[in-house]
Protein backbone atom coordinates (compact mmCIF):
# COMPACT_ATOMS: atom_id res chain seq x y z
CA UNK A 1 0.00 0.00 0.00
CA UNK A 2 2.73 2.50 0.87
CA UNK A 3 4.42 2.44 -2.54
CA UNK A 4 1.11 2.56 -4.40
CA UNK A 5 0.11 5.66 -2.44
CA UNK A 6 3.42 7.47 -2.55
CA UNK A 7 4.14 7.50 -6.27
CA UNK A 8 0.85 9.02 -7.50
CA UNK A 9 0.75 11.57 -4.66
CA UNK A 10 4.33 12.67 -5.33
CA UNK A 11 3.62 12.89 -9.06
CA UNK A 12 0.52 14.98 -8.35
CA UNK A 13 2.50 17.28 -6.07
CA UNK A 14 5.18 17.82 -8.70
CA UNK A 15 2.50 19.24 -11.01
CA UNK A 16 0.16 21.03 -8.61
CA UNK A 17 2.18 22.33 -5.67
CA UNK A 18 1.86 26.00 -4.78
CA UNK A 19 4.90 28.25 -5.01
CA UNK A 20 5.18 29.39 -1.40
CA UNK A 21 8.24 31.30 -0.15
CA UNK A 22 8.87 29.02 2.82
CA UNK A 23 9.10 26.06 0.45
CA UNK A 24 11.72 27.56 -1.83
CA UNK A 25 15.33 26.35 -1.74
CA UNK A 26 16.51 29.65 -0.25
CA UNK A 27 14.08 29.48 2.68
CA UNK A 28 15.90 29.63 6.00
CA UNK A 29 15.13 27.39 8.98
CA UNK A 30 13.92 30.52 10.80
CA UNK A 31 11.59 31.40 7.93
CA UNK A 32 10.22 27.85 7.94
CA UNK A 33 9.67 27.95 11.71
CA UNK A 34 7.86 31.29 11.42
CA UNK A 35 5.65 29.92 8.64
CA UNK A 36 4.74 26.80 10.59
CA UNK A 37 3.62 28.79 13.62
CA UNK A 38 1.70 31.31 11.53
CA UNK A 39 -0.06 28.60 9.53
CA UNK A 40 -1.57 26.95 12.59
CA UNK A 41 -5.35 27.30 12.16
CA UNK A 42 -4.78 30.06 9.59
CA UNK A 43 -5.14 29.91 5.77
CA UNK A 44 -2.12 30.45 3.53
CA UNK A 45 -3.69 33.53 1.89
CA UNK A 46 -3.81 35.35 5.23
CA UNK A 47 -0.34 34.25 6.27
CA UNK A 48 1.56 35.22 3.11
CA UNK A 49 1.62 39.03 3.51
CA UNK A 50 2.27 38.88 7.26
CA UNK A 51 5.04 36.29 6.84
CA UNK A 52 6.69 38.46 4.16
CA UNK A 53 6.57 41.59 6.32
CA UNK A 54 7.78 39.64 9.36
CA UNK A 55 10.79 38.20 7.54
CA UNK A 56 11.73 41.59 6.13
CA UNK A 57 11.64 43.11 9.59
CA UNK A 58 13.09 40.15 11.52
CA UNK A 59 15.07 37.94 9.14
CA UNK A 60 16.79 36.13 12.02
CA UNK A 61 15.82 34.98 15.53
CA UNK A 62 18.30 37.47 16.99
CA UNK A 63 16.58 40.38 15.24
CA UNK A 64 13.24 39.49 16.82
CA UNK A 65 14.79 38.70 20.19
CA UNK A 66 16.03 42.29 20.45
CA UNK A 67 12.45 43.58 20.26
CA UNK A 68 9.83 43.58 23.00
CA UNK A 69 7.12 40.91 23.00
CA UNK A 70 4.66 43.73 22.31
CA UNK A 71 6.25 44.42 18.94
CA UNK A 72 5.72 40.79 17.97
CA UNK A 73 2.07 41.07 18.95
CA UNK A 74 1.73 44.37 17.07
CA UNK A 75 3.09 42.97 13.82
CA UNK A 76 1.10 39.76 14.17
CA UNK A 77 -1.78 41.92 13.03
CA UNK A 78 -5.09 40.13 12.55
CA UNK A 79 -3.79 36.61 12.04
CA UNK A 80 -5.69 35.51 15.12
CA UNK A 81 -4.63 33.48 18.15
CA UNK A 82 -2.04 36.16 19.04
CA UNK A 83 -0.44 34.09 21.78
CA UNK A 84 1.40 32.46 18.89
CA UNK A 85 3.23 35.77 18.47
CA UNK A 86 4.38 35.59 22.09
CA UNK A 87 5.48 31.98 21.60
CA UNK A 88 7.45 32.93 18.50
CA UNK A 89 9.11 35.78 20.35
CA UNK A 90 10.00 33.43 23.22
CA UNK A 91 11.40 30.97 20.67
CA UNK A 92 13.57 33.72 19.17
CA UNK A 93 15.02 34.56 22.56
CA UNK A 94 15.64 30.91 23.42
CA UNK A 95 17.29 30.25 20.05
CA UNK A 96 19.47 33.34 20.47
CA UNK A 97 20.45 32.52 24.04
CA UNK A 98 20.79 28.74 23.86
CA UNK A 99 21.58 27.92 20.23
CA UNK A 100 23.81 30.80 19.11
CA UNK A 101 20.99 32.23 17.01
CA UNK A 102 20.58 29.12 14.89
CA UNK A 103 17.29 27.23 14.78
CA UNK A 104 18.12 23.78 16.18
CA UNK A 105 18.01 20.86 13.77
CA UNK A 106 16.83 17.94 15.87
CA UNK A 107 13.29 17.08 16.83
CA UNK A 108 14.11 16.95 20.56
CA UNK A 109 15.80 20.36 20.57
CA UNK A 110 12.96 21.90 18.62
CA UNK A 111 10.36 20.30 20.87
CA UNK A 112 12.07 21.92 23.88
CA UNK A 113 11.56 25.44 22.50
CA UNK A 114 8.74 27.52 24.04
CA UNK A 115 5.34 26.76 22.54
CA UNK A 116 6.64 24.16 20.05
CA UNK A 117 4.56 21.00 19.86
CA UNK A 118 5.04 17.65 18.22
CA UNK A 119 3.83 18.69 14.77
CA UNK A 120 5.90 21.89 14.54
CA UNK A 121 9.07 20.16 15.76
CA UNK A 122 8.66 17.37 13.19
CA UNK A 123 7.81 19.84 10.40
CA UNK A 124 10.79 22.11 10.99
CA UNK A 125 13.21 19.18 11.42
CA UNK A 126 11.89 17.79 8.12
CA UNK A 127 11.43 20.87 5.94
CA UNK A 128 14.41 22.88 7.19
CA UNK A 129 16.94 20.10 7.72
CA UNK A 130 15.74 17.12 5.68
CA UNK A 131 14.87 14.99 8.68
CA UNK A 132 12.85 11.82 8.33
CA UNK A 133 9.74 12.32 10.46
CA UNK A 134 6.04 11.60 10.33
CA UNK A 135 4.55 15.09 9.98
CA UNK A 136 0.97 14.90 11.21
CA UNK A 137 -0.97 18.07 10.59
CA UNK A 138 -4.74 18.20 10.11
CA UNK A 139 -4.50 17.77 6.34
CA UNK A 140 -2.18 14.76 6.53
CA UNK A 141 -4.35 13.10 9.17
CA UNK A 142 -7.46 13.55 7.02
CA UNK A 143 -5.82 12.14 3.87
CA UNK A 144 -4.57 9.07 5.71
CA UNK A 145 -7.88 8.56 7.50
CA UNK A 146 -9.72 8.45 4.18
CA UNK A 147 -7.22 6.79 1.87
CA UNK A 148 -6.02 4.07 4.22
CA UNK A 149 -8.51 3.62 7.07
CA UNK A 150 -11.71 4.39 5.17
CA UNK A 151 -12.84 7.03 7.68
CA UNK A 152 -14.16 10.44 6.69
CA UNK A 153 -12.36 12.27 9.49
CA UNK A 154 -9.53 11.44 11.87
CA UNK A 155 -10.04 11.44 15.64
CA UNK A 156 -10.02 14.80 17.41
CA UNK A 157 -6.47 14.19 18.67
CA UNK A 158 -3.70 12.12 17.06
CA UNK A 159 -3.61 8.53 18.26
CA UNK A 160 -0.78 6.03 18.56
CA UNK A 161 -2.32 4.06 15.68
CA UNK A 162 -2.30 7.16 13.45
CA UNK A 163 1.32 7.78 14.25
CA UNK A 164 2.30 4.20 13.49
CA UNK A 165 0.49 4.40 10.17
CA UNK A 166 2.14 7.71 9.25
CA UNK A 167 5.57 6.40 10.22
CA UNK A 168 5.06 3.27 8.12
CA UNK A 169 4.48 5.45 5.06
CA UNK A 170 7.57 7.64 5.45
CA UNK A 171 9.89 6.73 2.56
CA UNK A 172 13.55 5.91 3.21
CA UNK A 173 14.54 8.73 0.85
CA UNK A 174 12.69 11.99 0.31
CA UNK A 175 10.69 12.03 3.52
CA UNK A 176 10.23 15.85 3.60
CA UNK A 177 8.85 15.94 0.06
CA UNK A 178 6.44 13.14 0.89
CA UNK A 179 5.24 14.99 3.98
CA UNK A 180 4.57 18.25 2.14
CA UNK A 181 2.94 16.42 -0.78
CA UNK A 182 0.36 14.78 1.49
CA UNK A 183 -0.23 18.11 3.25
CA UNK A 184 -0.83 19.80 -0.09
CA UNK A 185 -3.22 17.09 -1.22
CA UNK A 186 -5.26 17.57 1.94
CA UNK A 187 -5.24 21.35 1.56
CA UNK A 188 -6.26 21.47 -2.11
CA UNK A 189 -8.14 18.26 -2.93
CA UNK A 190 -8.97 16.07 0.08
CA UNK A 191 -10.55 18.98 1.92
CA UNK A 192 -12.67 18.67 5.03
CA UNK A 193 -16.07 19.74 3.73
CA UNK A 194 -15.98 19.31 -0.04
CA UNK A 195 -13.37 16.76 -1.11
CA UNK A 196 -12.68 16.75 -4.85
CA UNK A 197 -12.38 13.01 -5.28
CA UNK A 198 -12.45 13.30 -9.07
CA UNK A 199 -9.14 15.22 -8.88
CA UNK A 200 -7.43 12.93 -6.38
CA UNK A 201 -4.44 10.94 -7.64
CA UNK A 202 -5.28 7.99 -5.35
CA UNK A 203 -9.06 7.96 -5.75
CA UNK A 204 -8.94 4.48 -7.33
CA UNK A 205 -7.51 3.01 -4.14
CA UNK A 206 -9.00 5.32 -1.52
CA UNK A 207 -10.63 3.12 1.13
CA UNK A 208 -13.21 5.77 2.02
CA UNK A 209 -14.35 6.32 -1.58
CA UNK A 210 -14.42 2.58 -2.29
CA UNK A 211 -16.64 2.12 0.76
CA UNK A 212 -19.12 4.63 -0.65
CA UNK A 213 -17.85 7.64 1.31
CA UNK A 214 -19.59 6.64 4.56
CA UNK A 215 -20.40 9.55 6.86
CA UNK A 216 -18.42 10.01 10.02
CA UNK A 217 -20.09 9.35 13.37
CA UNK A 218 -19.97 13.08 13.96
CA UNK A 219 -20.16 16.00 11.53
CA UNK A 220 -17.12 17.86 10.26
CA UNK A 221 -15.96 20.47 12.69
CA UNK A 222 -17.82 23.66 11.89
CA UNK A 223 -16.35 27.13 11.93
CA UNK A 224 -16.70 28.86 15.26
CA UNK A 225 -19.15 31.71 15.59
CA UNK A 226 -17.18 34.93 15.94
CA UNK A 227 -19.56 37.89 16.03
CA UNK A 228 -20.34 38.96 19.56
CA UNK A 229 -17.96 36.48 21.20
CA UNK A 230 -15.22 37.09 23.74
CA UNK A 231 -12.76 36.39 20.91
CA UNK A 232 -14.14 39.30 18.91
CA UNK A 233 -14.09 41.52 21.99
CA UNK A 234 -10.47 40.58 22.70
CA UNK A 235 -9.61 41.34 19.09
CA UNK A 236 -11.15 44.80 19.31
CA UNK A 237 -9.30 45.61 22.53
CA UNK A 238 -6.01 44.28 21.18
CA UNK A 239 -6.45 46.30 18.00
CA UNK A 240 -6.60 49.49 20.08
CA UNK A 241 -3.34 48.58 21.82
CA UNK A 242 -1.62 47.59 18.55
CA UNK A 243 -2.55 50.80 16.78
CA UNK A 244 -1.71 53.13 19.67
CA UNK A 245 2.09 52.62 19.72
CA UNK A 246 2.07 53.61 23.37
CA UNK A 247 -0.03 53.43 26.55
CA UNK A 248 -3.76 54.07 26.16
CA UNK A 249 -6.28 55.15 28.79
CA UNK A 250 -8.98 52.75 29.91
CA UNK A 251 -11.57 54.99 28.25
CA UNK A 252 -10.11 54.17 24.83
CA UNK A 253 -10.70 50.47 25.47
CA UNK A 254 -14.17 51.03 26.91
CA UNK A 255 -15.19 52.83 23.73
CA UNK A 256 -14.80 49.82 21.43
CA UNK A 257 -17.15 47.37 23.20
CA UNK A 258 -20.45 48.24 24.83
CA UNK A 259 -20.98 45.20 27.07
CA UNK A 260 -19.16 46.12 30.28
CA UNK A 261 -19.09 42.62 31.76
CA UNK A 262 -17.84 40.97 28.57
CA UNK A 263 -15.33 43.74 27.97
CA UNK A 264 -13.81 43.41 31.42
CA UNK A 265 -13.68 39.64 31.11
CA UNK A 266 -11.91 39.92 27.76
CA UNK A 267 -9.46 42.49 29.09
CA UNK A 268 -8.66 40.29 32.07
CA UNK A 269 -7.99 37.46 29.64
CA UNK A 270 -5.54 39.58 27.66
CA UNK A 271 -3.71 40.48 30.86
CA UNK A 272 -3.64 36.86 32.05
CA UNK A 273 -2.30 35.69 28.68
CA UNK A 274 0.50 38.26 28.70
CA UNK A 275 -0.86 40.03 25.62
CA UNK A 276 -1.40 43.31 27.48
CA UNK A 277 -0.20 44.97 30.66
CA UNK A 278 -1.54 47.68 32.90
CA UNK A 279 0.80 50.44 34.04
CA UNK A 280 0.84 52.08 37.51
CA UNK A 281 -1.07 55.08 36.18
CA UNK A 282 -3.93 52.84 35.03
CA UNK A 283 -3.15 52.95 31.31
CA UNK A 284 -2.70 49.85 29.15
CA UNK A 285 -0.16 48.79 26.57
CA UNK A 286 1.25 45.79 24.74
CA UNK A 287 3.74 43.71 26.76
CA UNK A 288 7.10 45.37 27.19
């Protein structure tokens, strides 16, 4: 099964892969690490301009490490989940202090960096340094669930069985290209809600399609409601702090959200998460 899957997927990738800057031969390990963190739960189209600006401003971990965490949050813009910006800043400082400014090459060293999980460590070790790892992102897990196990969706969290399957498919040569090819197939063809089976290079052997595309026990994860939520409120408050380039009075924050209880809860969350800080005079700013 492994060989019969690999060849058509790799051939498909050679023809259909997107030209993304973090995939080019001149991409640095730092640029790849930045892209992997930015791409978590965020579409490529939204990441591209922010990644480009980020790399122009901070082309190395040392360059970012010299800045305050607040500057990382400011330039994260509206990518969402801004704690990732704090994690990336913490990574830059750890890489600068503990690795002489060079993104470490091994999975274990990468995994030890602040905010770096299993997937990101495996991805950076593979894509930046040619390591041989099973890279299990959401797209890869979905492709393998359908093509091999005949299931519409993978479990909510990676299982030991998934990992064993993914590891069994890693080729002895060219593991990084295989990993990115399966990711691309999941992103462009074997999508969550509207898979394009007629365009899939392994549709003839896909266990899920051959079984009649049976529905999953539960529906595909739906997009979260955003309007009126604490997330939206947090975003409005954080936008005020990002755009101010200095401390702002509480009144400026109060003005952007009418619900007092929700606003205070959201502001407390920003403070607890280290995304904002309150100064002795009662004004607020991004973390220093």
